[in-house]
C-alpha atoms as a PDB file:
ATOM      1  CA  MET A   1     110.642 108.535 116.573  1.00  0.00           C
ATOM      2  CA  ALA A   2     110.989 108.351 120.255  1.00  0.00           C
ATOM      3  CA  SER A   3     112.156 111.313 121.744  1.00  0.00           C
ATOM      4  CA  LYS A   4     114.862 112.160 124.966  1.00  0.00           C
ATOM      5  CA  ASN A   5     112.339 115.047 125.793  1.00  0.00           C
ATOM      6  CA  THR A   6     111.909 115.471 129.190  1.00  0.00           C
ATOM      7  CA  LYS A   7     108.962 117.318 129.456  1.00  0.00           C
ATOM      8  CA  ALA A   8     106.616 115.092 127.980  1.00  0.00           C
ATOM      9  CA  PRO A   9     108.490 111.544 129.216  1.00  0.00           C
ATOM     10  CA  ASP A  10     104.733 109.767 128.642  1.00  0.00           C
ATOM     11  CA  ALA A  11     103.717 111.256 125.094  1.00  0.00           C
ATOM     12  CA  ARG A  12     105.933 109.252 122.901  1.00  0.00           C
ATOM     13  CA  ALA A  13     104.924 105.476 125.081  1.00  0.00           C
ATOM     14  CA  ALA A  14     101.252 106.836 124.325  1.00  0.00           C
ATOM     15  CA  ALA A  15     101.110 108.053 120.785  1.00  0.00           C
ATOM     16  CA  LYS A  16     103.092 104.798 119.640  1.00  0.00           C
ATOM     17  CA  ALA A  17     100.376 102.883 121.511  1.00  0.00           C
ATOM     18  CA  GLN A  18      97.149 104.680 119.698  1.00  0.00           C
ATOM     19  CA  ALA A  19      99.302 104.430 116.035  1.00  0.00           C
ATOM     20  CA  GLN A  20      99.933 100.826 116.733  1.00  0.00           C
ATOM     21  CA  ALA A  21      96.131 100.419 117.094  1.00  0.00           C
ATOM     22  CA  GLN A  22      94.993 102.516 114.149  1.00  0.00           C
ATOM     23  CA  VAL A  23      97.738 100.753 111.971  1.00  0.00           C
ATOM     24  CA  ARG A  24      96.022  97.176 112.740  1.00  0.00           C
ATOM     25  CA  ALA A  25      92.797  98.775 111.549  1.00  0.00           C
ATOM     26  CA  GLN A  26      93.993 100.306 108.340  1.00  0.00           C
ATOM     27  CA  GLU A  27      91.550  99.966 105.529  1.00  0.00           C
ATOM     28  CA  ARG A  28      92.399  96.301 104.032  1.00  0.00           C
ATOM     29  CA  ARG A  29      93.488  97.247 100.879  1.00  0.00           C
ATOM     30  CA  THR A  30      96.571  98.947 102.360  1.00  0.00           C
ATOM     31  CA  MET A  31      97.417  96.081 104.497  1.00  0.00           C
ATOM     32  CA  LEU A  32      97.494  93.743 101.706  1.00  0.00           C
ATOM     33  CA  MET A  33      99.939  96.098  99.418  1.00  0.00           C
ATOM     34  CA  ILE A  34     101.968  96.112 102.219  1.00  0.00           C
ATOM     35  CA  VAL A  35     102.243  92.704 103.402  1.00  0.00           C
ATOM     36  CA  ALA A  36     102.215  91.240  99.544  1.00  0.00           C
ATOM     37  CA  GLY A  37     104.866  93.539  99.120  1.00  0.00           C
ATOM     38  CA  SER A  38     103.848  94.517  95.608  1.00  0.00           C
ATOM     39  CA  VAL A  39     106.287  96.173  94.408  1.00  0.00           C
ATOM     40  CA  VAL A  40     104.056  97.195  90.894  1.00  0.00           C
ATOM     41  CA  GLY A  41     101.205  98.399  93.047  1.00  0.00           C
ATOM     42  CA  LEU A  42     103.672 100.516  94.839  1.00  0.00           C
ATOM     43  CA  ALA A  43     105.538 101.496  91.684  1.00  0.00           C
ATOM     44  CA  LEU A  44     102.513 102.559  90.055  1.00  0.00           C
ATOM     45  CA  PHE A  45     101.003 104.410  93.122  1.00  0.00           C
ATOM     46  CA  ALA A  46     104.218 105.981  93.399  1.00  0.00           C
ATOM     47  CA  GLY A  47     104.338 107.706  90.147  1.00  0.00           C
ATOM     48  CA  LEU A  48     100.687 108.451  89.996  1.00  0.00           C
ATOM     49  CA  ILE A  49     101.314 110.802  93.054  1.00  0.00           C
ATOM     50  CA  PHE A  50     104.942 111.931  91.532  1.00  0.00           C
ATOM     51  CA  PHE A  51     102.808 112.938  88.498  1.00  0.00           C
ATOM     52  CA  ILE A  52     100.566 114.811  90.820  1.00  0.00           C
ATOM     53  CA  VAL A  53     102.783 116.823  92.631  1.00  0.00           C
ATOM     54  CA  ASN A  54     104.510 118.279  89.182  1.00  0.00           C
ATOM     55  CA  GLN A  55     101.068 119.709  88.308  1.00  0.00           C
ATOM     56  CA  SER A  56     101.010 123.036  90.230  1.00  0.00           C
ATOM     57  CA  LYS A  57     104.350 124.843  90.296  1.00  0.00           C
ATOM     58  CA  VAL A  58     105.104 126.814  93.311  1.00  0.00           C
ATOM     59  CA  PRO A  59     107.937 129.145  94.571  1.00  0.00           C
ATOM     60  CA  GLU A  60     111.217 128.186  95.533  1.00  0.00           C
ATOM     61  CA  LEU A  61     111.774 127.380  98.930  1.00  0.00           C
ATOM     62  CA  GLY A  62     112.589 131.191 101.034  1.00  0.00           C
ATOM     63  CA  THR A  63     110.588 132.924  98.166  1.00  0.00           C
ATOM     64  CA  GLU A  64     107.150 134.747  98.023  1.00  0.00           C
ATOM     65  CA  GLY A  65     105.892 134.710 101.703  1.00  0.00           C
ATOM     66  CA  ALA A  66     107.216 131.617 102.458  1.00  0.00           C
ATOM     67  CA  THR A  67     108.824 131.157 106.400  1.00  0.00           C
ATOM     68  CA  GLU A  68     110.755 127.895 107.035  1.00  0.00           C
ATOM     69  CA  PRO A  69     111.596 126.520 110.072  1.00  0.00           C
ATOM     70  CA  ALA A  70     115.031 127.929 111.383  1.00  0.00           C
ATOM     71  CA  SER A  71     116.653 124.537 111.309  1.00  0.00           C
ATOM     72  CA  ALA A  72     115.450 123.249 107.872  1.00  0.00           C
ATOM     73  CA  ASP A  73     118.061 123.040 105.212  1.00  0.00           C
ATOM     74  CA  ALA A  74     117.912 124.049 101.446  1.00  0.00           C
ATOM     75  CA  THR A  75     115.944 120.717 101.061  1.00  0.00           C
ATOM     76  CA  GLY A  76     113.058 121.066 103.146  1.00  0.00           C
ATOM     77  CA  GLY A  77     114.623 119.020 105.635  1.00  0.00           C
ATOM     78  CA  ILE A  78     114.032 119.158 109.318  1.00  0.00           C
ATOM     79  CA  PRO A  79     117.533 117.268 110.734  1.00  0.00           C
ATOM     80  CA  VAL A  80     117.278 116.139 114.193  1.00  0.00           C
ATOM     81  CA  GLY A  81     120.445 115.630 116.262  1.00  0.00           C
ATOM     82  CA  THR A  82     121.355 113.219 119.204  1.00  0.00           C
ATOM     83  CA  GLY A  83     119.062 114.496 121.995  1.00  0.00           C
ATOM     84  CA  GLY A  84     116.010 114.997 120.052  1.00  0.00           C
ATOM     85  CA  VAL A  85     115.521 118.380 119.563  1.00  0.00           C
ATOM     86  CA  ALA A  86     115.039 119.876 115.867  1.00  0.00           C
ATOM     87  CA  GLY A  87     118.221 121.695 114.443  1.00  0.00           C
ATOM     88  CA  ALA A  88     120.476 120.707 117.681  1.00  0.00           C
ATOM     89  CA  ASP A  89     123.267 118.558 118.100  1.00  0.00           C
ATOM     90  CA  VAL A  90     123.207 117.363 114.439  1.00  0.00           C
ATOM     91  CA  PRO A  91     126.698 115.388 113.426  1.00  0.00           C
ATOM     92  CA  THR A  92     127.919 116.288 110.023  1.00  0.00           C
ATOM     93  CA  ASP A  93     130.103 113.056 109.335  1.00  0.00           C
ATOM     94  CA  VAL A  94     127.908 110.467 109.472  1.00  0.00           C
ATOM     95  CA  THR A  95     125.306 109.108 107.019  1.00  0.00           C
ATOM     96  CA  ARG A  96     122.716 110.996 106.504  1.00  0.00           C
ATOM     97  CA  VAL A  97     119.081 110.023 106.421  1.00  0.00           C
ATOM     98  CA  ASP A  98     116.237 111.665 104.582  1.00  0.00           C
ATOM     99  CA  ILE A  99     112.861 110.910 105.134  1.00  0.00           C
ATOM    100  CA  TYR A 100     109.891 112.261 103.388  1.00  0.00           C
ATOM    101  CA  LEU A 101     106.265 112.217 104.978  1.00  0.00           C
ATOM    102  CA  ASP A 102     102.850 113.224 104.571  1.00  0.00           C
ATOM    103  CA  PHE A 103     100.736 112.972 107.727  1.00  0.00           C
ATOM    104  CA  MET A 104      97.583 111.698 106.126  1.00  0.00           C
ATOM    105  CA  CYS A 105      99.844 109.011 104.222  1.00  0.00           C
ATOM    106  CA  PRO A 106      98.708 105.150 105.900  1.00  0.00           C
ATOM    107  CA  ILE A 107     101.856 103.771 104.667  1.00  0.00           C
ATOM    108  CA  CYS A 108     104.207 106.317 106.457  1.00  0.00           C
ATOM    109  CA  ASN A 109     102.453 105.044 109.760  1.00  0.00           C
ATOM    110  CA  VAL A 110     102.986 101.608 109.335  1.00  0.00           C
ATOM    111  CA  PHE A 111     106.742 102.689 108.202  1.00  0.00           C
ATOM    112  CA  GLU A 112     106.697 104.639 111.381  1.00  0.00           C
ATOM    113  CA  GLN A 113     105.922 102.063 113.916  1.00  0.00           C
ATOM    114  CA  THR A 114     108.097  99.422 111.959  1.00  0.00           C
ATOM    115  CA  ASN A 115     111.678 101.987 111.877  1.00  0.00           C
ATOM    116  CA  ALA A 116     111.007 104.570 114.730  1.00  0.00           C
ATOM    117  CA  ASP A 117     112.785 103.112 117.124  1.00  0.00           C
ATOM    118  CA  ASP A 118     115.125 101.513 114.904  1.00  0.00           C
ATOM    119  CA  LEU A 119     116.196 105.231 113.727  1.00  0.00           C
ATOM    120  CA  ASP A 120     116.186 106.638 117.096  1.00  0.00           C
ATOM    121  CA  GLU A 121     118.449 104.226 118.512  1.00  0.00           C
ATOM    122  CA  MET A 122     120.495 104.983 115.822  1.00  0.00           C
ATOM    123  CA  ARG A 123     120.221 108.992 115.557  1.00  0.00           C
ATOM    124  CA  GLU A 124     120.792 109.587 119.574  1.00  0.00           C
ATOM    125  CA  ALA A 125     124.044 106.934 119.024  1.00  0.00           C
ATOM    126  CA  GLY A 126     125.007 109.472 116.574  1.00  0.00           C
ATOM    127  CA  ASP A 127     125.005 106.956 113.938  1.00  0.00           C
ATOM    128  CA  ILE A 128     123.602 108.653 111.393  1.00  0.00           C
ATOM    129  CA  ALA A 129     121.823 111.929 111.375  1.00  0.00           C
ATOM    130  CA  VAL A 130     118.309 112.162 110.116  1.00  0.00           C
ATOM    131  CA  TYR A 131     116.528 114.991 108.413  1.00  0.00           C
ATOM    132  CA  TYR A 132     112.301 114.914 108.194  1.00  0.00           C
ATOM    133  CA  HIS A 133     110.308 116.011 105.219  1.00  0.00           C
ATOM    134  CA  PRO A 134     106.633 116.984 105.695  1.00  0.00           C
ATOM    135  CA  ILE A 135     105.188 117.097 102.699  1.00  0.00           C
ATOM    136  CA  SER A 136     102.019 117.581 101.660  1.00  0.00           C
ATOM    137  CA  ILE A 137     100.871 115.389  98.594  1.00  0.00           C
ATOM    138  CA  LEU A 138      97.828 114.026  99.328  1.00  0.00           C
ATOM    139  CA  ASP A 139      95.484 116.972 100.003  1.00  0.00           C
ATOM    140  CA  ARG A 140      93.210 115.692  97.503  1.00  0.00           C
ATOM    141  CA  TYR A 141      92.119 112.901 100.036  1.00  0.00           C
ATOM    142  CA  SER A 142      90.919 115.425 102.665  1.00  0.00           C
ATOM    143  CA  ASN A 143      87.262 116.778 100.996  1.00  0.00           C
ATOM    144  CA  GLY A 144      89.036 119.578 100.175  1.00  0.00           C
ATOM    145  CA  THR A 145      90.268 120.729 103.365  1.00  0.00           C
ATOM    146  CA  SER A 146      93.826 120.806 102.507  1.00  0.00           C
ATOM    147  CA  PHE A 147      94.933 118.366 105.770  1.00  0.00           C
ATOM    148  CA  SER A 148      98.130 117.452 104.476  1.00  0.00           C
ATOM    149  CA  THR A 149      99.426 120.857 103.693  1.00  0.00           C
ATOM    150  CA  ARG A 150      97.935 122.510 107.209  1.00  0.00           C
ATOM    151  CA  SER A 151      99.567 119.370 109.193  1.00  0.00           C
ATOM    152  CA  ALA A 152     103.186 120.050 107.381  1.00  0.00           C
ATOM    153  CA  GLY A 153     103.085 123.555 107.752  1.00  0.00           C
ATOM    154  CA  ALA A 154     101.971 122.790 111.127  1.00  0.00           C
ATOM    155  CA  ALA A 155     104.948 120.543 111.704  1.00  0.00           C
ATOM    156  CA  GLY A 156     107.130 123.538 110.208  1.00  0.00           C
ATOM    157  CA  VAL A 157     106.166 126.093 113.158  1.00  0.00           C
ATOM    158  CA  VAL A 158     106.687 123.235 116.150  1.00  0.00           C
ATOM    159  CA  ALA A 159     110.051 122.532 114.760  1.00  0.00           C
ATOM    160  CA  HIS A 160     110.782 126.446 114.283  1.00  0.00           C
ATOM    161  CA  LEU A 161     109.444 127.609 117.857  1.00  0.00           C
ATOM    162  CA  ALA A 162     109.133 124.693 119.656  1.00  0.00           C
ATOM    163  CA  PRO A 163     112.429 122.111 118.299  1.00  0.00           C
ATOM    164  CA  GLU A 164     112.401 120.118 121.562  1.00  0.00           C
ATOM    165  CA  HIS A 165     108.612 118.668 120.746  1.00  0.00           C
ATOM    166  CA  PHE A 166     108.837 118.019 116.956  1.00  0.00           C
ATOM    167  CA  LEU A 167     109.320 114.460 117.076  1.00  0.00           C
ATOM    168  CA  ASP A 168     106.785 114.339 119.718  1.00  0.00           C
ATOM    169  CA  PHE A 169     104.309 116.205 117.661  1.00  0.00           C
ATOM    170  CA  SER A 170     104.732 114.080 114.851  1.00  0.00           C
ATOM    171  CA  ALA A 171     104.754 110.606 116.612  1.00  0.00           C
ATOM    172  CA  ALA A 172     100.980 112.190 118.309  1.00  0.00           C
ATOM    173  CA  MET A 173     100.321 113.337 114.205  1.00  0.00           C
ATOM    174  CA  PHE A 174     100.263 109.661 113.091  1.00  0.00           C
ATOM    175  CA  ALA A 175      98.438 107.925 116.883  1.00  0.00           C
ATOM    176  CA  ASN A 176      95.501 110.697 115.293  1.00  0.00           C
ATOM    177  CA  GLN A 177      95.769 110.189 112.193  1.00  0.00           C
ATOM    178  CA  PRO A 178      92.614 110.562 110.056  1.00  0.00           C
ATOM    179  CA  GLU A 179      91.539 108.159 107.174  1.00  0.00           C
ATOM    180  CA  GLU A 180      92.227 109.272 103.531  1.00  0.00           C
ATOM    181  CA  ASN A 181      89.016 110.784 101.931  1.00  0.00           C
ATOM    182  CA  SER A 182      87.800 112.428 104.981  1.00  0.00           C
ATOM    183  CA  ASP A 183      87.934 115.599 106.538  1.00  0.00           C
ATOM    184  CA  GLY A 184      91.468 115.280 108.028  1.00  0.00           C
ATOM    185  CA  LEU A 185      92.083 116.999 111.014  1.00  0.00           C
ATOM    186  CA  SER A 186      90.812 120.655 112.060  1.00  0.00           C
ATOM    187  CA  ASP A 187      93.136 123.560 112.844  1.00  0.00           C
ATOM    188  CA  ASP A 188      91.615 123.511 116.519  1.00  0.00           C
ATOM    189  CA  GLU A 189      92.119 119.584 116.643  1.00  0.00           C
ATOM    190  CA  ILE A 190      95.857 119.732 115.199  1.00  0.00           C
ATOM    191  CA  GLU A 191      96.135 122.546 117.940  1.00  0.00           C
ATOM    192  CA  GLN A 192      95.040 120.404 120.772  1.00  0.00           C
ATOM    193  CA  ILE A 193      97.360 117.783 119.696  1.00  0.00           C
ATOM    194  CA  ALA A 194     100.185 120.310 119.812  1.00  0.00           C
ATOM    195  CA  LEU A 195      99.216 121.048 123.585  1.00  0.00           C
ATOM    196  CA  SER A 196      99.052 117.408 124.826  1.00  0.00           C
ATOM    197  CA  VAL A 197     102.724 116.990 123.656  1.00  0.00           C
ATOM    198  CA  GLY A 198     103.967 119.729 125.252  1.00  0.00           C
ATOM    199  CA  VAL A 199     103.732 122.386 123.241  1.00  0.00           C
ATOM    200  CA  PRO A 200     102.971 125.841 124.348  1.00  0.00           C
ATOM    201  CA  GLU A 201      99.834 127.594 124.393  1.00  0.00           C
ATOM    202  CA  ASP A 202     101.514 130.807 121.878  1.00  0.00           C
ATOM    203  CA  VAL A 203     103.139 128.325 119.510  1.00  0.00           C
ATOM    204  CA  ALA A 204     100.199 126.134 119.446  1.00  0.00           C
ATOM    205  CA  ALA A 205      98.068 128.944 118.579  1.00  0.00           C
ATOM    206  CA  SER A 206     100.103 129.986 115.801  1.00  0.00           C
ATOM    207  CA  LEU A 207     100.334 126.369 113.564  1.00  0.00           C
ATOM    208  CA  ASP A 208      97.980 127.556 111.068  1.00  0.00           C
ATOM    209  CA  ASP A 209     100.953 130.793 110.178  1.00  0.00           C
ATOM    210  CA  ASP A 210     100.313 131.251 106.357  1.00  0.00           C
ATOM    211  CA  GLY A 211     104.293 131.706 105.838  1.00  0.00           C
ATOM    212  CA  MET A 212     105.136 128.155 106.725  1.00  0.00           C
ATOM    213  CA  LEU A 213     102.120 127.058 104.824  1.00  0.00           C
ATOM    214  CA  LYS A 214     103.916 128.038 101.868  1.00  0.00           C
ATOM    215  CA  TRP A 215     107.071 126.995 103.071  1.00  0.00           C
ATOM    216  CA  ALA A 216     105.218 123.586 103.367  1.00  0.00           C
ATOM    217  CA  THR A 217     103.949 123.973  99.334  1.00  0.00           C
ATOM    218  CA  ALA A 218     107.186 124.966  98.522  1.00  0.00           C
ATOM    219  CA  ALA A 219     109.155 122.041 100.335  1.00  0.00           C
ATOM    220  CA  THR A 220     106.414 119.733  98.505  1.00  0.00           C
ATOM    221  CA  GLU A 221     107.813 120.879  95.099  1.00  0.00           C
ATOM    222  CA  GLN A 222     111.461 120.709  96.035  1.00  0.00           C
ATOM    223  CA  SER A 223     111.086 117.063  97.419  1.00  0.00           C
ATOM    224  CA  SER A 224     109.588 116.313  93.932  1.00  0.00           C
ATOM    225  CA  GLN A 225     113.050 118.218  92.009  1.00  0.00           C
ATOM    226  CA  ASP A 226     115.109 115.965  94.555  1.00  0.00           C
ATOM    227  CA  GLY A 227     113.649 112.834  93.270  1.00  0.00           C
ATOM    228  CA  MET A 228     111.182 112.106  95.772  1.00  0.00           C
ATOM    229  CA  ARG A 229     108.723 109.352  94.241  1.00  0.00           C
ATOM    230  CA  GLY A 230     105.538 109.544  96.938  1.00  0.00           C
ATOM    231  CA  THR A 231     106.047 108.673 100.424  1.00  0.00           C
ATOM    232  CA  PRO A 232     107.324 107.505 102.069  1.00  0.00           C
ATOM    233  CA  THR A 233     110.395 107.781 100.317  1.00  0.00           C
ATOM    234  CA  VAL A 234     113.693 107.096 102.099  1.00  0.00           C
ATOM    235  CA  ARG A 235     117.066 108.807 100.813  1.00  0.00           C
ATOM    236  CA  VAL A 236     120.381 108.221 102.313  1.00  0.00           C
ATOM    237  CA  SER A 237     123.864 109.541 101.754  1.00  0.00           C
ATOM    238  CA  GLU A 238     126.146 107.380 103.097  1.00  0.00           C
ATOM    239  CA  THR A 239     128.957 110.776 103.103  1.00  0.00           C
ATOM    240  CA  GLY A 240     126.590 113.042 104.899  1.00  0.00           C
ATOM    241  CA  ASP A 241     126.064 114.611 101.934  1.00  0.00           C
ATOM    242  CA  PHE A 242     122.425 115.022 100.446  1.00  0.00           C
ATOM    243  CA  ALA A 243     123.532 115.253  96.914  1.00  0.00           C
ATOM    244  CA  ASP A 244     125.191 112.089  97.494  1.00  0.00           C
ATOM    245  CA  GLY A 245     122.377 110.003  98.374  1.00  0.00           C
ATOM    246  CA  VAL A 246     119.970 107.740  96.854  1.00  0.00           C
ATOM    247  CA  ILE A 247     116.743 106.843  97.476  1.00  0.00           C
ATOM    248  CA  LEU A 248     115.988 103.674  98.672  1.00  0.00           C
ATOM    249  CA  ASN A 249     113.556 101.268  96.062  1.00  0.00           C
ATOM    250  CA  GLU A 250     113.579 104.000  93.658  1.00  0.00           C
ATOM    251  CA  THR A 251     112.322 102.798  90.552  1.00  0.00           C
ATOM    252  CA  GLY A 252     114.839 102.454  87.324  1.00  0.00           C
ATOM    253  CA  ASN A 253     117.603 103.459  88.934  1.00  0.00           C
ATOM    254  CA  ASP A 254     120.078 100.485  89.189  1.00  0.00           C
ATOM    255  CA  ASP A 255     122.433 102.238  91.497  1.00  0.00           C
ATOM    256  CA  ALA A 256     119.489 102.244  94.272  1.00  0.00           C
ATOM    257  CA  PRO A 257     119.642  99.312  96.810  1.00  0.00           C
ATOM    258  CA  SER A 258     116.854  97.429  97.494  1.00  0.00           C
ATOM    259  CA  VAL A 259     116.104  97.351 100.829  1.00  0.00           C
ATOM    260  CA  ASP A 260     112.094  96.382 102.287  1.00  0.00           C
ATOM    261  CA  TYR A 261     112.002  99.006 105.069  1.00  0.00           C
ATOM    262  CA  PHE A 262     108.197  97.557 106.138  1.00  0.00           C
ATOM    263  CA  THR A 263     110.139  94.648 107.615  1.00  0.00           C
ATOM    264  CA  ALA A 264     111.590  95.407 111.088  1.00  0.00           C
ATOM    265  CA  GLY A 265     115.202  95.378 111.224  1.00  0.00           C
ATOM    266  CA  ASN A 266     115.589  95.730 107.533  1.00  0.00           C
ATOM    267  CA  LEU A 267     116.671  99.431 107.397  1.00  0.00           C
ATOM    268  CA  LYS A 268     118.550  99.287 110.504  1.00  0.00           C
ATOM    269  CA  ALA A 269     120.478  96.364 109.419  1.00  0.00           C
ATOM    270  CA  TYR A 270     120.943  98.141 106.063  1.00  0.00           C
ATOM    271  CA  LEU A 271     122.303 101.506 107.763  1.00  0.00           C
ATOM    272  CA  GLU A 272     124.670  99.318 109.696  1.00  0.00           C
ATOM    273  CA  SER A 273     126.194  97.698 106.577  1.00  0.00           C
ATOM    274  CA  LEU A 274     127.560 101.235 105.423  1.00  0.00           C
ATOM    275  CA  GLY A 275     129.792 101.464 108.637  1.00  0.00           C
END
C-alpha cells in the first residue's frame, strides 16, 4: 500500500523491505500452505475463523460507545483515495475493492507484499476505490493481550485523526508484525511505530482509545455479517456499490470468481478485466 504522503517519503520503502524480510522468515507451515495453494486447507481455516467470530455478539457499528473513524462507512471500511489519504478524493463511480485484514495474520502480510504496488497504482490512477477493513479475528493468538483488537483500533485512530498517515501506519504494522502465539506488540510499541511514520505525538498517544477499540470489535462482527471468510478477504464491487460485491474465492458461491491473489499480478489482471 504505497502512499503519496510526502511527509514520510522513506517510511513505505523501509516498511516494505522489513516486511519482505519477515515474510521470508514466516513459519514453514504458513508458507507451504501458500505455495501449495491448498484450497482445502484455506477453506477449513476460513471456516474455523468464521465460526470463532460468530461466537461473541457485539453491538452494531456506532452504538454502545463505539467511536468510528470519520471516513469509515457502515461496513467498517476505511476508504483511501487517489492521494493516499483516508477518506479524501475517493471516487464513487469505479470498481470498489474491500480488503479485510488482521495485523496478526501472516497471510495478510503475504497478500500485502504481493498486491500492494498493483493496488496503489490502480487506486492512484482513479481506476479503483480501495476500502480497508482492519478487523480482529486472531486475538486468541496473542496470549491474552488482544493484539488484533488493539492494532485494529489503533489503525482506526490514525485514520480518524491523522488520515494522511493511515497507509504508512498499516504498512509499518505489517513490517513489524509479531508472530502468532506471541504477546503481540505492546501499546508502547504500537505508539512508536506510529511516530516512526510521522503520526503526530498527540495522536500516537491516543491509539488505545476505548471507543475506537469498541468500533474495531463491532466492525469485526459487521464483517462476518457481510460474508467475510477469514483474513485476507477480498470483496469486489464492479458497480462501486458494496451491496453488489462478490467475495473472491468465496467457498460455496458459484458466482464468485476464483482469483489466486497470492500470485503477483493476478488480482490486478482480474480488476483490469472488469473495465
